[in-house]
């Protein structure tokens, strides 16, 4: 899971190729998803518990695993 403030496409363009250099492939060997940070530090009316979590995987399987992961927490 990449959970950071990054530019659009970094998961597919930067992270995925690094992981695939080892010969592993998703979703057979690993799952890869992105979830942007949910911070609004100056807004006292919202917190990480009240701001919706957005996730997206590089494929359907990765998205499903990411959703399951965050729902469990």
C-alpha atoms as a PDB file:
ATOM      1  CA  UNK A   1       0.000   0.000   0.000  1.00  0.00           C
ATOM      2  CA  UNK A   2       1.359   3.367  -0.999  1.00  0.00           C
ATOM      3  CA  UNK A   3      -0.173   5.874   1.387  1.00  0.00           C
ATOM      4  CA  UNK A   4       1.462   9.188   0.719  1.00  0.00           C
ATOM      5  CA  UNK A   5       1.044  12.531  -0.963  1.00  0.00           C
ATOM      6  CA  UNK A   6       2.444  11.815  -4.409  1.00  0.00           C
ATOM      7  CA  UNK A   7       1.676  12.775  -7.959  1.00  0.00           C
ATOM      8  CA  UNK A   8      -0.929  10.817  -9.968  1.00  0.00           C
ATOM      9  CA  UNK A   9       0.550   7.733 -11.583  1.00  0.00           C
ATOM     10  CA  UNK A  10       3.451   7.147  -9.187  1.00  0.00           C
ATOM     11  CA  UNK A  11       2.104   3.732  -8.134  1.00  0.00           C
ATOM     12  CA  UNK A  12       1.998   2.428 -11.714  1.00  0.00           C
ATOM     13  CA  UNK A  13       4.956   4.363 -13.086  1.00  0.00           C
ATOM     14  CA  UNK A  14       7.446   4.186 -10.195  1.00  0.00           C
ATOM     15  CA  UNK A  15       6.530   1.590  -7.570  1.00  0.00           C
ATOM     16  CA  UNK A  16       5.224  -1.238  -9.787  1.00  0.00           C
ATOM     17  CA  UNK A  17       8.333  -1.430 -12.019  1.00  0.00           C
ATOM     18  CA  UNK A  18      10.600  -1.589  -8.959  1.00  0.00           C
ATOM     19  CA  UNK A  19       8.620  -4.493  -7.528  1.00  0.00           C
ATOM     20  CA  UNK A  20       8.470  -6.299 -10.883  1.00  0.00           C
ATOM     21  CA  UNK A  21      12.273  -6.111 -11.297  1.00  0.00           C
ATOM     22  CA  UNK A  22      12.443  -9.071  -8.908  1.00  0.00           C
ATOM     23  CA  UNK A  23      10.427 -11.193 -11.348  1.00  0.00           C
ATOM     24  CA  UNK A  24       7.293 -11.098  -9.217  1.00  0.00           C
ATOM     25  CA  UNK A  25       3.941 -10.200 -10.771  1.00  0.00           C
ATOM     26  CA  UNK A  26       0.697  -8.834  -9.399  1.00  0.00           C
ATOM     27  CA  UNK A  27      -1.740 -10.250  -8.439  1.00  0.00           C
ATOM     28  CA  UNK A  28      -0.071 -13.674  -8.487  1.00  0.00           C
ATOM     29  CA  UNK A  29       2.772 -12.724  -6.128  1.00  0.00           C
ATOM     30  CA  UNK A  30       1.787  -9.410  -4.532  1.00  0.00           C
ATOM     31  CA  UNK A  31      -0.944  -6.795  -4.358  1.00  0.00           C
ATOM     32  CA  UNK A  32      -0.329  -3.092  -4.903  1.00  0.00           C
ATOM     33  CA  UNK A  33      -2.681  -0.243  -4.105  1.00  0.00           C
ATOM     34  CA  UNK A  34      -2.659   3.474  -3.400  1.00  0.00           C
ATOM     35  CA  UNK A  35      -4.525   5.449  -0.787  1.00  0.00           C
ATOM     36  CA  UNK A  36      -3.952   9.200  -0.580  1.00  0.00           C
ATOM     37  CA  UNK A  37      -3.441  10.790   2.803  1.00  0.00           C
ATOM     38  CA  UNK A  38      -6.582  12.135   4.455  1.00  0.00           C
ATOM     39  CA  UNK A  39      -5.334  15.120   6.354  1.00  0.00           C
ATOM     40  CA  UNK A  40      -7.014  18.474   6.800  1.00  0.00           C
ATOM     41  CA  UNK A  41      -4.916  19.904   9.644  1.00  0.00           C
ATOM     42  CA  UNK A  42      -6.612  23.297   9.890  1.00  0.00           C
ATOM     43  CA  UNK A  43     -10.165  21.950   9.927  1.00  0.00           C
ATOM     44  CA  UNK A  44     -11.284  21.078  13.472  1.00  0.00           C
ATOM     45  CA  UNK A  45     -14.565  19.550  12.197  1.00  0.00           C
ATOM     46  CA  UNK A  46     -12.920  16.614  10.426  1.00  0.00           C
ATOM     47  CA  UNK A  47     -10.496  13.865  11.409  1.00  0.00           C
ATOM     48  CA  UNK A  48      -9.194  10.684   9.815  1.00  0.00           C
ATOM     49  CA  UNK A  49     -12.252   8.932  11.273  1.00  0.00           C
ATOM     50  CA  UNK A  50     -14.700  11.233   9.449  1.00  0.00           C
ATOM     51  CA  UNK A  51     -12.922  11.840   6.129  1.00  0.00           C
ATOM     52  CA  UNK A  52     -13.749   9.055   3.623  1.00  0.00           C
ATOM     53  CA  UNK A  53     -10.888   6.715   2.723  1.00  0.00           C
ATOM     54  CA  UNK A  54     -10.168   6.403  -0.998  1.00  0.00           C
ATOM     55  CA  UNK A  55      -8.288   3.359  -2.311  1.00  0.00           C
ATOM     56  CA  UNK A  56      -7.393   2.089  -5.746  1.00  0.00           C
ATOM     57  CA  UNK A  57      -5.374  -0.908  -6.816  1.00  0.00           C
ATOM     58  CA  UNK A  58      -3.361  -1.612  -9.933  1.00  0.00           C
ATOM     59  CA  UNK A  59      -5.859  -4.387 -10.660  1.00  0.00           C
ATOM     60  CA  UNK A  60      -9.196  -5.558  -9.267  1.00  0.00           C
ATOM     61  CA  UNK A  61      -7.583  -8.027  -6.869  1.00  0.00           C
ATOM     62  CA  UNK A  62      -5.324  -5.364  -5.352  1.00  0.00           C
ATOM     63  CA  UNK A  63      -8.261  -2.998  -4.921  1.00  0.00           C
ATOM     64  CA  UNK A  64     -10.271  -5.692  -3.137  1.00  0.00           C
ATOM     65  CA  UNK A  65      -7.397  -6.504  -0.768  1.00  0.00           C
ATOM     66  CA  UNK A  66      -6.875  -2.803   0.015  1.00  0.00           C
ATOM     67  CA  UNK A  67     -10.569  -2.282   0.794  1.00  0.00           C
ATOM     68  CA  UNK A  68     -10.567  -5.349   3.035  1.00  0.00           C
ATOM     69  CA  UNK A  69      -7.426  -4.145   4.801  1.00  0.00           C
ATOM     70  CA  UNK A  70      -8.834  -0.718   5.629  1.00  0.00           C
ATOM     71  CA  UNK A  71     -12.244  -2.049   6.655  1.00  0.00           C
ATOM     72  CA  UNK A  72     -10.543  -4.359   9.167  1.00  0.00           C
ATOM     73  CA  UNK A  73      -8.715  -1.480  10.872  1.00  0.00           C
END
